[in-house]
Amino acid sequence: MEQRKSGCGGGAPRLVFACSGASDVGAVADQAARRVSRMKLASMGCLVAVANGLDFAMDPVKAAERIIVIDGCPENCAKLTIEKAGVLSFEHILLSELGMKKGHTKVEQEHIARAYDRAEAILNT
């Protein structure tokens, strides 16, 4: 598996944002995004800072080559936050479309890996 740099060494950054909500699927989304960051496929951004328009969060968003947003449930809180921040181009992963249901999904490696694999596939295209 080829790893791509997140842009930290130069070039436009790749960013991943996760719902990170209080539910099981929020935890899966968060852990998948953290894995994407650990594997250096993209840097994990702070969704709350983006929601508040803070420069330290918005500057990388404006310069990003790719942005992935991972939502746990169909409420799409992360997607809505990114859209309200004015981001027009991003990839969206909805865990319910990967067979995970809020309140019925264990936070386990199988589910985290499924979400991570989807993000990796997007970033490697």
Protein backbone atom coordinates (compact mmCIF):
# COMPACT_ATOMS: atom_id res chain seq x y z
CA MET A 1 0.00 0.00 0.00
CA GLU A 2 1.47 3.32 -1.05
CA GLN A 3 1.20 6.11 1.50
CA ARG A 4 0.70 9.66 0.35
CA LYS A 5 1.91 12.66 2.25
CA SER A 6 -0.67 14.95 3.78
CA GLY A 7 1.05 18.03 2.48
CA CYS A 8 2.96 18.71 5.69
CA GLY A 9 6.28 18.69 3.83
CA GLY A 10 5.10 21.12 1.17
CA GLY A 11 2.35 21.28 -1.38
CA ALA A 12 -1.35 21.53 -0.75
CA PRO A 13 -2.65 19.72 2.32
CA ARG A 14 -5.10 16.86 2.36
CA LEU A 15 -7.55 17.07 5.24
CA VAL A 16 -9.96 14.71 6.96
CA PHE A 17 -12.77 15.79 9.27
CA ALA A 18 -14.96 13.50 11.36
CA CYS A 19 -18.30 13.83 13.07
CA SER A 20 -16.79 12.63 16.39
CA GLY A 21 -20.28 12.72 17.92
CA ALA A 22 -21.38 11.06 21.13
CA SER A 23 -22.84 8.00 19.41
CA ASP A 24 -21.16 4.75 18.48
CA VAL A 25 -20.94 5.67 14.80
CA GLY A 26 -19.49 9.06 15.76
CA ALA A 27 -16.73 7.24 17.61
CA VAL A 28 -16.13 5.00 14.58
CA ALA A 29 -15.93 8.06 12.31
CA ASP A 30 -13.47 9.73 14.67
CA GLN A 31 -11.24 6.66 14.96
CA ALA A 32 -11.23 6.16 11.18
CA ALA A 33 -10.19 9.80 10.66
CA ARG A 34 -7.44 9.43 13.26
CA ARG A 35 -6.17 6.36 11.43
CA VAL A 36 -6.14 8.28 8.14
CA SER A 37 -4.02 10.90 9.89
CA ARG A 38 -1.68 8.34 11.53
CA MET A 39 -1.12 6.72 8.14
CA LYS A 40 -0.28 10.18 6.74
CA LEU A 41 -2.93 10.02 4.04
CA ALA A 42 -4.36 13.33 5.27
CA SER A 43 -4.11 15.60 8.29
CA MET A 44 -7.03 15.57 10.69
CA GLY A 45 -8.70 18.94 10.99
CA CYS A 46 -10.67 20.40 13.88
CA LEU A 47 -14.31 20.58 12.84
CA VAL A 48 -15.28 22.83 15.76
CA ALA A 49 -12.58 25.35 14.80
CA VAL A 50 -13.87 25.32 11.22
CA ALA A 51 -17.42 25.86 12.49
CA ASN A 52 -16.17 28.93 14.33
CA GLY A 53 -14.20 30.23 11.35
CA LEU A 54 -10.88 30.27 13.21
CA ASP A 55 -7.98 31.19 10.93
CA PHE A 56 -5.70 28.37 12.07
CA ALA A 57 -8.35 25.90 10.86
CA MET A 58 -9.65 27.77 7.83
CA ASP A 59 -6.28 28.57 6.22
CA PRO A 60 -5.48 24.87 5.57
CA VAL A 61 -9.06 24.28 4.40
CA LYS A 62 -8.73 27.07 1.83
CA ALA A 63 -5.42 25.63 0.61
CA ALA A 64 -6.46 21.96 0.67
CA GLU A 65 -5.92 19.69 -2.30
CA ARG A 66 -8.50 17.18 -0.99
CA ILE A 67 -10.94 17.15 1.90
CA ILE A 68 -12.76 14.11 3.22
CA VAL A 69 -15.63 14.40 5.68
CA ILE A 70 -16.74 11.30 7.60
CA ASP A 71 -20.22 11.31 9.15
CA GLY A 72 -21.52 8.63 11.45
CA CYS A 73 -25.24 9.00 10.84
CA PRO A 74 -27.64 10.49 8.28
CA GLU A 75 -27.91 13.74 10.27
CA ASN A 76 -24.69 14.67 8.40
CA CYS A 77 -23.49 17.11 11.07
CA ALA A 78 -19.91 17.14 9.80
CA LYS A 79 -20.97 17.64 6.18
CA LEU A 80 -23.32 20.47 7.16
CA THR A 81 -20.58 22.15 9.21
CA ILE A 82 -18.13 22.04 6.30
CA GLU A 83 -20.77 23.38 3.90
CA LYS A 84 -21.73 26.22 6.27
CA ALA A 85 -18.03 27.14 6.41
CA GLY A 86 -18.20 27.72 2.65
CA VAL A 87 -16.28 24.66 1.52
CA LEU A 88 -17.60 23.70 -1.89
CA SER A 89 -15.45 20.73 -2.83
CA PHE A 90 -15.03 17.69 -0.59
CA GLU A 91 -15.63 13.95 -0.50
CA HIS A 92 -18.26 12.65 1.93
CA ILE A 93 -18.35 9.28 3.65
CA LEU A 94 -21.57 8.34 5.43
CA LEU A 95 -21.15 5.32 7.66
CA SER A 96 -24.81 4.30 7.35
CA GLU A 97 -24.08 3.76 3.64
CA LEU A 98 -21.38 1.30 4.75
CA GLY A 99 -23.91 -0.71 6.75
CA MET A 100 -23.41 0.94 10.15
CA LYS A 101 -26.43 2.08 12.13
CA LYS A 102 -26.43 4.60 14.96
CA GLY A 103 -27.01 2.88 18.29
CA HIS A 104 -26.30 -0.57 16.85
CA THR A 105 -22.64 -0.41 15.78
CA LYS A 106 -19.87 -1.54 18.07
CA VAL A 107 -16.78 0.64 18.11
CA GLU A 108 -14.47 -2.10 16.94
CA GLN A 109 -11.64 -2.51 14.47
CA GLU A 110 -13.84 -4.11 11.80
CA HIS A 111 -16.02 -1.00 11.55
CA ILE A 112 -13.13 1.45 11.86
CA ALA A 113 -11.27 -0.45 9.13
CA ARG A 114 -14.29 -0.33 6.81
CA ALA A 115 -14.51 3.46 7.15
CA TYR A 116 -10.74 3.85 6.85
CA ASP A 117 -10.64 1.68 3.73
CA ARG A 118 -13.25 3.89 2.08
CA ALA A 119 -11.25 7.03 2.90
CA GLU A 120 -8.03 5.43 1.67
CA ALA A 121 -9.70 4.46 -1.61
CA ILE A 122 -10.87 8.04 -2.14
CA LEU A 123 -7.48 9.52 -1.33
CA ASN A 124 -5.65 7.09 -3.60
CA THR A 125 -7.70 7.96 -6.69
